[in-house]
Amino acid sequence: MESRDTGTVMLWFVGGAVLGAAVALLLAPESGEDTRRKLAGHAERGRRALSESSQEIIDRGRELYERGREIAEEAAEMFERGRRVAEKNINDAI
């Protein structure tokens, strides 16, 4: 039920955005060519910003992955040392 409501809201939102864009193009004070050029420029700047943000997120993800791997290796080494100490104590007690 809730997913249908979300779908309906999204449909209305997209429809409103398309209608708003169409009205804005029709009422634009500049020629179609100028408007298209401006839209293309804005789209290109948006694409570049998105690309840069995506690259930053990917780089940060790699850093976090690497740090997590190092922590896991350190934990495995600590576990192994603890196992050896426990094994030695058991053998000494026997």
PDB file of N, CA and C in Angstrom:
ATOM      1  N   MET A   1       0.830  -1.187   0.000  1.00  0.00           N
ATOM      2  CA  MET A   1       0.000   0.000   0.000  1.00  0.00           C
ATOM      3  C   MET A   1       0.873   1.248   0.000  1.00  0.00           C
ATOM      4  N   GLU A   2       1.866   1.243   0.874  1.00  0.00           N
ATOM      5  CA  GLU A   2       2.724   2.404   0.999  1.00  0.00           C
ATOM      6  C   GLU A   2       3.549   2.616  -0.266  1.00  0.00           C
ATOM      7  N   SER A   3       3.992   1.532  -0.927  1.00  0.00           N
ATOM      8  CA  SER A   3       4.783   1.671  -2.148  1.00  0.00           C
ATOM      9  C   SER A   3       3.952   2.271  -3.269  1.00  0.00           C
ATOM     10  N   ARG A   4       2.667   1.974  -3.320  1.00  0.00           N
ATOM     11  CA  ARG A   4       1.810   2.578  -4.333  1.00  0.00           C
ATOM     12  C   ARG A   4       1.674   4.075  -4.084  1.00  0.00           C
ATOM     13  N   ASP A   5       1.553   4.455  -2.821  1.00  0.00           N
ATOM     14  CA  ASP A   5       1.469   5.876  -2.488  1.00  0.00           C
ATOM     15  C   ASP A   5       2.754   6.588  -2.893  1.00  0.00           C
ATOM     16  N   THR A   6       3.890   5.966  -2.645  1.00  0.00           N
ATOM     17  CA  THR A   6       5.172   6.553  -3.023  1.00  0.00           C
ATOM     18  C   THR A   6       5.269   6.667  -4.540  1.00  0.00           C
ATOM     19  N   GLY A   7       4.834   5.636  -5.237  1.00  0.00           N
ATOM     20  CA  GLY A   7       4.851   5.662  -6.702  1.00  0.00           C
ATOM     21  C   GLY A   7       3.968   6.759  -7.255  1.00  0.00           C
ATOM     22  N   THR A   8       2.798   6.954  -6.655  1.00  0.00           N
ATOM     23  CA  THR A   8       1.887   8.007  -7.097  1.00  0.00           C
ATOM     24  C   THR A   8       2.496   9.378  -6.862  1.00  0.00           C
ATOM     25  N   VAL A   9       3.103   9.550  -5.697  1.00  0.00           N
ATOM     26  CA  VAL A   9       3.741  10.832  -5.383  1.00  0.00           C
ATOM     27  C   VAL A   9       4.872  11.106  -6.372  1.00  0.00           C
ATOM     28  N   MET A  10       5.682  10.091  -6.651  1.00  0.00           N
ATOM     29  CA  MET A  10       6.789  10.267  -7.596  1.00  0.00           C
ATOM     30  C   MET A  10       6.260  10.602  -8.989  1.00  0.00           C
ATOM     31  N   LEU A  11       5.188   9.951  -9.400  1.00  0.00           N
ATOM     32  CA  LEU A  11       4.597  10.211 -10.707  1.00  0.00           C
ATOM     33  C   LEU A  11       4.120  11.661 -10.792  1.00  0.00           C
ATOM     34  N   TRP A  12       3.439  12.131  -9.763  1.00  0.00           N
ATOM     35  CA  TRP A  12       2.981  13.522  -9.747  1.00  0.00           C
ATOM     36  C   TRP A  12       4.164  14.484  -9.747  1.00  0.00           C
ATOM     37  N   PHE A  13       5.207  14.144  -8.998  1.00  0.00           N
ATOM     38  CA  PHE A  13       6.391  15.000  -8.937  1.00  0.00           C
ATOM     39  C   PHE A  13       7.050  15.115 -10.311  1.00  0.00           C
ATOM     40  N   VAL A  14       7.269  13.971 -10.957  1.00  0.00           N
ATOM     41  CA  VAL A  14       7.909  13.971 -12.276  1.00  0.00           C
ATOM     42  C   VAL A  14       7.024  14.708 -13.277  1.00  0.00           C
ATOM     43  N   GLY A  15       5.727  14.447 -13.219  1.00  0.00           N
ATOM     44  CA  GLY A  15       4.806  15.147 -14.119  1.00  0.00           C
ATOM     45  C   GLY A  15       4.858  16.652 -13.918  1.00  0.00           C
ATOM     46  N   GLY A  16       4.905  17.089 -12.663  1.00  0.00           N
ATOM     47  CA  GLY A  16       4.996  18.517 -12.376  1.00  0.00           C
ATOM     48  C   GLY A  16       6.295  19.118 -12.859  1.00  0.00           C
ATOM     49  N   ALA A  17       7.381  18.363 -12.706  1.00  0.00           N
ATOM     50  CA  ALA A  17       8.684  18.844 -13.163  1.00  0.00           C
ATOM     51  C   ALA A  17       8.699  19.005 -14.678  1.00  0.00           C
ATOM     52  N   VAL A  18       8.151  18.032 -15.395  1.00  0.00           N
ATOM     53  CA  VAL A  18       8.094  18.107 -16.860  1.00  0.00           C
ATOM     54  C   VAL A  18       7.224  19.280 -17.291  1.00  0.00           C
ATOM     55  N   LEU A  19       6.062  19.422 -16.672  1.00  0.00           N
ATOM     56  CA  LEU A  19       5.165  20.531 -17.011  1.00  0.00           C
ATOM     57  C   LEU A  19       5.844  21.872 -16.719  1.00  0.00           C
ATOM     58  N   GLY A  20       6.509  21.970 -15.570  1.00  0.00           N
ATOM     59  CA  GLY A  20       7.212  23.206 -15.219  1.00  0.00           C
ATOM     60  C   GLY A  20       8.313  23.530 -16.207  1.00  0.00           C
ATOM     61  N   ALA A  21       9.062  22.517 -16.631  1.00  0.00           N
ATOM     62  CA  ALA A  21      10.132  22.736 -17.609  1.00  0.00           C
ATOM     63  C   ALA A  21       9.555  23.194 -18.946  1.00  0.00           C
ATOM     64  N   ALA A  22       8.445  22.594 -19.359  1.00  0.00           N
ATOM     65  CA  ALA A  22       7.821  22.985 -20.624  1.00  0.00           C
ATOM     66  C   ALA A  22       7.343  24.430 -20.569  1.00  0.00           C
ATOM     67  N   VAL A  23       6.699  24.811 -19.493  1.00  0.00           N
ATOM     68  CA  VAL A  23       6.224  26.191 -19.346  1.00  0.00           C
ATOM     69  C   VAL A  23       7.416  27.156 -19.300  1.00  0.00           C
ATOM     70  N   ALA A  24       8.465  26.785 -18.598  1.00  0.00           N
ATOM     71  CA  ALA A  24       9.645  27.648 -18.516  1.00  0.00           C
ATOM     72  C   ALA A  24      10.263  27.853 -19.892  1.00  0.00           C
ATOM     73  N   LEU A  25      10.313  26.808 -20.705  1.00  0.00           N
ATOM     74  CA  LEU A  25      10.873  26.943 -22.051  1.00  0.00           C
ATOM     75  C   LEU A  25       9.992  27.828 -22.929  1.00  0.00           C
ATOM     76  N   LEU A  26       8.688  27.674 -22.789  1.00  0.00           N
ATOM     77  CA  LEU A  26       7.770  28.483 -23.595  1.00  0.00           C
ATOM     78  C   LEU A  26       7.819  29.959 -23.213  1.00  0.00           C
ATOM     79  N   LEU A  27       8.031  30.239 -21.952  1.00  0.00           N
ATOM     80  CA  LEU A  27       8.007  31.619 -21.481  1.00  0.00           C
ATOM     81  C   LEU A  27       9.399  32.225 -21.319  1.00  0.00           C
ATOM     82  N   ALA A  28      10.419  31.509 -21.746  1.00  0.00           N
ATOM     83  CA  ALA A  28      11.792  31.991 -21.608  1.00  0.00           C
ATOM     84  C   ALA A  28      11.976  33.279 -22.403  1.00  0.00           C
ATOM     85  N   PRO A  29      12.685  34.244 -21.816  1.00  0.00           N
ATOM     86  CA  PRO A  29      12.863  35.530 -22.507  1.00  0.00           C
ATOM     87  C   PRO A  29      13.899  35.471 -23.633  1.00  0.00           C
ATOM     88  N   GLU A  30      14.595  34.366 -23.779  1.00  0.00           N
ATOM     89  CA  GLU A  30      15.623  34.253 -24.798  1.00  0.00           C
ATOM     90  C   GLU A  30      15.165  33.306 -25.899  1.00  0.00           C
ATOM     91  N   SER A  31      15.931  33.268 -26.982  1.00  0.00           N
ATOM     92  CA  SER A  31      15.592  32.371 -28.084  1.00  0.00           C
ATOM     93  C   SER A  31      15.811  30.923 -27.660  1.00  0.00           C
ATOM     94  N   GLY A  32      15.248  30.036 -28.422  1.00  0.00           N
ATOM     95  CA  GLY A  32      15.399  28.614 -28.133  1.00  0.00           C
ATOM     96  C   GLY A  32      16.842  28.171 -28.152  1.00  0.00           C
ATOM     97  N   GLU A  33      17.605  28.709 -29.097  1.00  0.00           N
ATOM     98  CA  GLU A  33      19.017  28.325 -29.192  1.00  0.00           C
ATOM     99  C   GLU A  33      19.784  28.763 -27.949  1.00  0.00           C
ATOM    100  N   ASP A  34      19.558  30.000 -27.501  1.00  0.00           N
ATOM    101  CA  ASP A  34      20.230  30.492 -26.291  1.00  0.00           C
ATOM    102  C   ASP A  34      19.817  29.676 -25.072  1.00  0.00           C
ATOM    103  N   THR A  35      18.532  29.382 -24.992  1.00  0.00           N
ATOM    104  CA  THR A  35      18.026  28.603 -23.855  1.00  0.00           C
ATOM    105  C   THR A  35      18.632  27.207 -23.854  1.00  0.00           C
ATOM    106  N   ARG A  36      18.698  26.572 -25.022  1.00  0.00           N
ATOM    107  CA  ARG A  36      19.293  25.229 -25.107  1.00  0.00           C
ATOM    108  C   ARG A  36      20.766  25.272 -24.731  1.00  0.00           C
ATOM    109  N   ARG A  37      21.467  26.327 -25.170  1.00  0.00           N
ATOM    110  CA  ARG A  37      22.886  26.464 -24.845  1.00  0.00           C
ATOM    111  C   ARG A  37      23.073  26.607 -23.327  1.00  0.00           C
ATOM    112  N   LYS A  38      22.222  27.427 -22.705  1.00  0.00           N
ATOM    113  CA  LYS A  38      22.301  27.587 -21.248  1.00  0.00           C
ATOM    114  C   LYS A  38      21.984  26.280 -20.534  1.00  0.00           C
ATOM    115  N   LEU A  39      20.943  25.588 -21.008  1.00  0.00           N
ATOM    116  CA  LEU A  39      20.585  24.303 -20.393  1.00  0.00           C
ATOM    117  C   LEU A  39      21.720  23.295 -20.540  1.00  0.00           C
ATOM    118  N   ALA A  40      22.341  23.278 -21.711  1.00  0.00           N
ATOM    119  CA  ALA A  40      23.460  22.353 -21.936  1.00  0.00           C
ATOM    120  C   ALA A  40      24.620  22.694 -21.005  1.00  0.00           C
ATOM    121  N   GLY A  41      24.874  23.987 -20.818  1.00  0.00           N
ATOM    122  CA  GLY A  41      25.953  24.412 -19.912  1.00  0.00           C
ATOM    123  C   GLY A  41      25.667  24.004 -18.481  1.00  0.00           C
ATOM    124  N   HIS A  42      24.421  24.216 -18.048  1.00  0.00           N
ATOM    125  CA  HIS A  42      24.050  23.814 -16.686  1.00  0.00           C
ATOM    126  C   HIS A  42      24.133  22.294 -16.528  1.00  0.00           C
ATOM    127  N   ALA A  43      23.694  21.577 -17.541  1.00  0.00           N
ATOM    128  CA  ALA A  43      23.751  20.114 -17.479  1.00  0.00           C
ATOM    129  C   ALA A  43      25.200  19.632 -17.405  1.00  0.00           C
ATOM    130  N   GLU A  44      26.082  20.255 -18.171  1.00  0.00           N
ATOM    131  CA  GLU A  44      27.495  19.869 -18.152  1.00  0.00           C
ATOM    132  C   GLU A  44      28.130  20.158 -16.799  1.00  0.00           C
ATOM    133  N   ARG A  45      27.825  21.326 -16.225  1.00  0.00           N
ATOM    134  CA  ARG A  45      28.355  21.644 -14.895  1.00  0.00           C
ATOM    135  C   ARG A  45      27.811  20.657 -13.858  1.00  0.00           C
ATOM    136  N   GLY A  46      26.554  20.310 -13.974  1.00  0.00           N
ATOM    137  CA  GLY A  46      25.973  19.335 -13.052  1.00  0.00           C
ATOM    138  C   GLY A  46      26.622  17.967 -13.203  1.00  0.00           C
ATOM    139  N   ARG A  47      26.873  17.589 -14.456  1.00  0.00           N
ATOM    140  CA  ARG A  47      27.519  16.296 -14.710  1.00  0.00           C
ATOM    141  C   ARG A  47      28.917  16.263 -14.109  1.00  0.00           C
ATOM    142  N   ARG A  48      29.667  17.368 -14.298  1.00  0.00           N
ATOM    143  CA  ARG A  48      31.021  17.423 -13.733  1.00  0.00           C
ATOM    144  C   ARG A  48      30.999  17.373 -12.212  1.00  0.00           C
ATOM    145  N   ALA A  49      30.079  18.121 -11.618  1.00  0.00           N
ATOM    146  CA  ALA A  49      29.979  18.129 -10.152  1.00  0.00           C
ATOM    147  C   ALA A  49      29.624  16.747  -9.636  1.00  0.00           C
ATOM    148  N   LEU A  50      28.702  16.081 -10.320  1.00  0.00           N
ATOM    149  CA  LEU A  50      28.305  14.730  -9.921  1.00  0.00           C
ATOM    150  C   LEU A  50      29.467  13.756 -10.080  1.00  0.00           C
ATOM    151  N   SER A  51      30.205  13.907 -11.164  1.00  0.00           N
ATOM    152  CA  SER A  51      31.357  13.037 -11.408  1.00  0.00           C
ATOM    153  C   SER A  51      32.424  13.228 -10.333  1.00  0.00           C
ATOM    154  N   GLU A  52      32.702  14.486  -9.985  1.00  0.00           N
ATOM    155  CA  GLU A  52      33.700  14.760  -8.947  1.00  0.00           C
ATOM    156  C   GLU A  52      33.243  14.226  -7.595  1.00  0.00           C
ATOM    157  N   SER A  53      31.977  14.438  -7.282  1.00  0.00           N
ATOM    158  CA  SER A  53      31.441  13.936  -6.009  1.00  0.00           C
ATOM    159  C   SER A  53      31.511  12.413  -5.972  1.00  0.00           C
ATOM    160  N   SER A  54      31.167  11.785  -7.085  1.00  0.00           N
ATOM    161  CA  SER A  54      31.218  10.329  -7.150  1.00  0.00           C
ATOM    162  C   SER A  54      32.644   9.828  -6.940  1.00  0.00           C
ATOM    163  N   GLN A  55      33.601  10.499  -7.559  1.00  0.00           N
ATOM    164  CA  GLN A  55      34.995  10.086  -7.412  1.00  0.00           C
ATOM    165  C   GLN A  55      35.450  10.245  -5.969  1.00  0.00           C
ATOM    166  N   GLU A  56      35.038  11.329  -5.313  1.00  0.00           N
ATOM    167  CA  GLU A  56      35.389  11.526  -3.908  1.00  0.00           C
ATOM    168  C   GLU A  56      34.794  10.421  -3.047  1.00  0.00           C
ATOM    169  N   ILE A  57      33.560  10.045  -3.329  1.00  0.00           N
ATOM    170  CA  ILE A  57      32.905   8.976  -2.568  1.00  0.00           C
ATOM    171  C   ILE A  57      33.624   7.655  -2.799  1.00  0.00           C
ATOM    172  N   ILE A  58      34.001   7.385  -4.040  1.00  0.00           N
ATOM    173  CA  ILE A  58      34.722   6.144  -4.354  1.00  0.00           C
ATOM    174  C   ILE A  58      36.066   6.119  -3.631  1.00  0.00           C
ATOM    175  N   ASP A  59      36.788   7.240  -3.676  1.00  0.00           N
ATOM    176  CA  ASP A  59      38.088   7.305  -2.994  1.00  0.00           C
ATOM    177  C   ASP A  59      37.938   7.094  -1.490  1.00  0.00           C
ATOM    178  N   ARG A  60      36.939   7.730  -0.908  1.00  0.00           N
ATOM    179  CA  ARG A  60      36.696   7.578   0.537  1.00  0.00           C
ATOM    180  C   ARG A  60      36.323   6.131   0.855  1.00  0.00           C
ATOM    181  N   GLY A  61      35.518   5.517   0.008  1.00  0.00           N
ATOM    182  CA  GLY A  61      35.161   4.118   0.203  1.00  0.00           C
ATOM    183  C   GLY A  61      36.380   3.210   0.171  1.00  0.00           C
ATOM    184  N   ARG A  62      37.285   3.488  -0.740  1.00  0.00           N
ATOM    185  CA  ARG A  62      38.522   2.690  -0.816  1.00  0.00           C
ATOM    186  C   ARG A  62      39.343   2.847   0.454  1.00  0.00           C
ATOM    187  N   GLU A  63      39.438   4.086   0.945  1.00  0.00           N
ATOM    188  CA  GLU A  63      40.183   4.329   2.182  1.00  0.00           C
ATOM    189  C   GLU A  63      39.557   3.572   3.347  1.00  0.00           C
ATOM    190  N   LEU A  64      38.232   3.638   3.454  1.00  0.00           N
ATOM    191  CA  LEU A  64      37.552   2.940   4.547  1.00  0.00           C
ATOM    192  C   LEU A  64      37.709   1.428   4.417  1.00  0.00           C
ATOM    193  N   TYR A  65      37.631   0.914   3.193  1.00  0.00           N
ATOM    194  CA  TYR A  65      37.811  -0.519   2.967  1.00  0.00           C
ATOM    195  C   TYR A  65      39.211  -0.939   3.403  1.00  0.00           C
ATOM    196  N   GLU A  66      40.202  -0.168   3.000  1.00  0.00           N
ATOM    197  CA  GLU A  66      41.592  -0.493   3.341  1.00  0.00           C
ATOM    198  C   GLU A  66      41.798  -0.468   4.847  1.00  0.00           C
ATOM    199  N   ARG A  67      41.246   0.539   5.511  1.00  0.00           N
ATOM    200  CA  ARG A  67      41.375   0.638   6.969  1.00  0.00           C
ATOM    201  C   ARG A  67      40.675  -0.544   7.642  1.00  0.00           C
ATOM    202  N   GLY A  68      39.511  -0.909   7.150  1.00  0.00           N
ATOM    203  CA  GLY A  68      38.805  -2.064   7.701  1.00  0.00           C
ATOM    204  C   GLY A  68      39.593  -3.350   7.536  1.00  0.00           C
ATOM    205  N   ARG A  69      40.235  -3.498   6.390  1.00  0.00           N
ATOM    206  CA  ARG A  69      41.061  -4.692   6.145  1.00  0.00           C
ATOM    207  C   ARG A  69      42.231  -4.727   7.117  1.00  0.00           C
ATOM    208  N   GLU A  70      42.862  -3.570   7.352  1.00  0.00           N
ATOM    209  CA  GLU A  70      43.984  -3.511   8.304  1.00  0.00           C
ATOM    210  C   GLU A  70      43.512  -3.868   9.714  1.00  0.00           C
ATOM    211  N   ILE A  71      42.367  -3.365  10.112  1.00  0.00           N
ATOM    212  CA  ILE A  71      41.833  -3.667  11.445  1.00  0.00           C
ATOM    213  C   ILE A  71      41.532  -5.159  11.560  1.00  0.00           C
ATOM    214  N   ALA A  72      40.971  -5.753  10.513  1.00  0.00           N
ATOM    215  CA  ALA A  72      40.674  -7.183  10.536  1.00  0.00           C
ATOM    216  C   ALA A  72      41.953  -8.004  10.647  1.00  0.00           C
ATOM    217  N   GLU A  73      42.998  -7.595   9.937  1.00  0.00           N
ATOM    218  CA  GLU A  73      44.273  -8.318  10.024  1.00  0.00           C
ATOM    219  C   GLU A  73      44.869  -8.199  11.425  1.00  0.00           C
ATOM    220  N   GLU A  74      44.812  -6.998  12.010  1.00  0.00           N
ATOM    221  CA  GLU A  74      45.312  -6.811  13.374  1.00  0.00           C
ATOM    222  C   GLU A  74      44.525  -7.670  14.361  1.00  0.00           C
ATOM    223  N   ALA A  75      43.210  -7.735  14.191  1.00  0.00           N
ATOM    224  CA  ALA A  75      42.379  -8.543  15.084  1.00  0.00           C
ATOM    225  C   ALA A  75      42.727 -10.024  14.939  1.00  0.00           C
ATOM    226  N   ALA A  76      42.971 -10.478  13.718  1.00  0.00           N
ATOM    227  CA  ALA A  76      43.346 -11.874  13.493  1.00  0.00           C
ATOM    228  C   ALA A  76      44.685 -12.181  14.153  1.00  0.00           C
ATOM    229  N   GLU A  77      45.633 -11.247  14.052  1.00  0.00           N
ATOM    230  CA  GLU A  77      46.936 -11.452  14.699  1.00  0.00           C
ATOM    231  C   GLU A  77      46.792 -11.505  16.218  1.00  0.00           C
ATOM    232  N   MET A  78      45.976 -10.618  16.787  1.00  0.00           N
ATOM    233  CA  MET A  78      45.754 -10.627  18.237  1.00  0.00           C
ATOM    234  C   MET A  78      45.097 -11.933  18.669  1.00  0.00           C
ATOM    235  N   PHE A  79      44.135 -12.399  17.903  1.00  0.00           N
ATOM    236  CA  PHE A  79      43.467 -13.651  18.217  1.00  0.00           C
ATOM    237  C   PHE A  79      44.467 -14.803  18.204  1.00  0.00           C
ATOM    238  N   GLU A  80      45.320 -14.824  17.188  1.00  0.00           N
ATOM    239  CA  GLU A  80      46.312 -15.896  17.078  1.00  0.00           C
ATOM    240  C   GLU A  80      47.295 -15.857  18.251  1.00  0.00           C
ATOM    241  N   ARG A  81      47.738 -14.652  18.647  1.00  0.00           N
ATOM    242  CA  ARG A  81      48.626 -14.547  19.813  1.00  0.00           C
ATOM    243  C   ARG A  81      47.924 -15.052  21.069  1.00  0.00           C
ATOM    244  N   GLY A  82      46.675 -14.679  21.253  1.00  0.00           N
ATOM    245  CA  GLY A  82      45.905 -15.136  22.410  1.00  0.00           C
ATOM    246  C   GLY A  82      45.735 -16.646  22.405  1.00  0.00           C
ATOM    247  N   ARG A  83      45.505 -17.221  21.225  1.00  0.00           N
ATOM    248  CA  ARG A  83      45.361 -18.672  21.115  1.00  0.00           C
ATOM    249  C   ARG A  83      46.661 -19.364  21.497  1.00  0.00           C
ATOM    250  N   ARG A  84      47.798 -18.819  21.043  1.00  0.00           N
ATOM    251  CA  ARG A  84      49.094 -19.430  21.368  1.00  0.00           C
ATOM    252  C   ARG A  84      49.376 -19.348  22.862  1.00  0.00           C
ATOM    253  N   VAL A  85      49.060 -18.195  23.486  1.00  0.00           N
ATOM    254  CA  VAL A  85      49.273 -18.030  24.931  1.00  0.00           C
ATOM    255  C   VAL A  85      48.405 -19.019  25.698  1.00  0.00           C
ATOM    256  N   ALA A  86      47.144 -19.137  25.306  1.00  0.00           N
ATOM    257  CA  ALA A  86      46.235 -20.064  25.986  1.00  0.00           C
ATOM    258  C   ALA A  86      46.716 -21.502  25.813  1.00  0.00           C
ATOM    259  N   GLU A  87      47.141 -21.836  24.611  1.00  0.00           N
ATOM    260  CA  GLU A  87      47.632 -23.191  24.338  1.00  0.00           C
ATOM    261  C   GLU A  87      48.875 -23.484  25.185  1.00  0.00           C
ATOM    262  N   LYS A  88      49.777 -22.507  25.279  1.00  0.00           N
ATOM    263  CA  LYS A  88      50.981 -22.683  26.085  1.00  0.00           C
ATOM    264  C   LYS A  88      50.627 -22.860  27.550  1.00  0.00           C
ATOM    265  N   ASN A  89      49.693 -22.053  28.069  1.00  0.00           N
ATOM    266  CA  ASN A  89      49.283 -22.167  29.462  1.00  0.00           C
ATOM    267  C   ASN A  89      48.647 -23.535  29.734  1.00  0.00           C
ATOM    268  N   ILE A  90      47.870 -24.024  28.815  1.00  0.00           N
ATOM    269  CA  ILE A  90      47.248 -25.347  28.972  1.00  0.00           C
ATOM    270  C   ILE A  90      48.332 -26.431  28.988  1.00  0.00           C
ATOM    271  N   ASN A  91      49.274 -26.331  28.055  1.00  0.00           N
ATOM    272  CA  ASN A  91      50.342 -27.327  27.993  1.00  0.00           C
ATOM    273  C   ASN A  91      51.219 -27.286  29.244  1.00  0.00           C
ATOM    274  N   ASP A  92      51.473 -26.065  29.774  1.00  0.00           N
ATOM    275  CA  ASP A  92      52.270 -25.929  30.983  1.00  0.00           C
ATOM    276  C   ASP A  92      51.523 -26.515  32.198  1.00  0.00           C
ATOM    277  N   ALA A  93      50.215 -26.387  32.196  1.00  0.00           N
ATOM    278  CA  ALA A  93      49.420 -26.886  33.308  1.00  0.00           C
ATOM    279  C   ALA A  93      49.323 -28.414  33.302  1.00  0.00           C
ATOM    280  N   ILE A  94      49.507 -29.006  32.146  1.00  0.00           N
ATOM    281  CA  ILE A  94      49.393 -30.471  32.030  1.00  0.00           C
ATOM    282  C   ILE A  94      50.645 -31.116  32.429  1.00  0.00           C
TER     283      ILE A  94
END
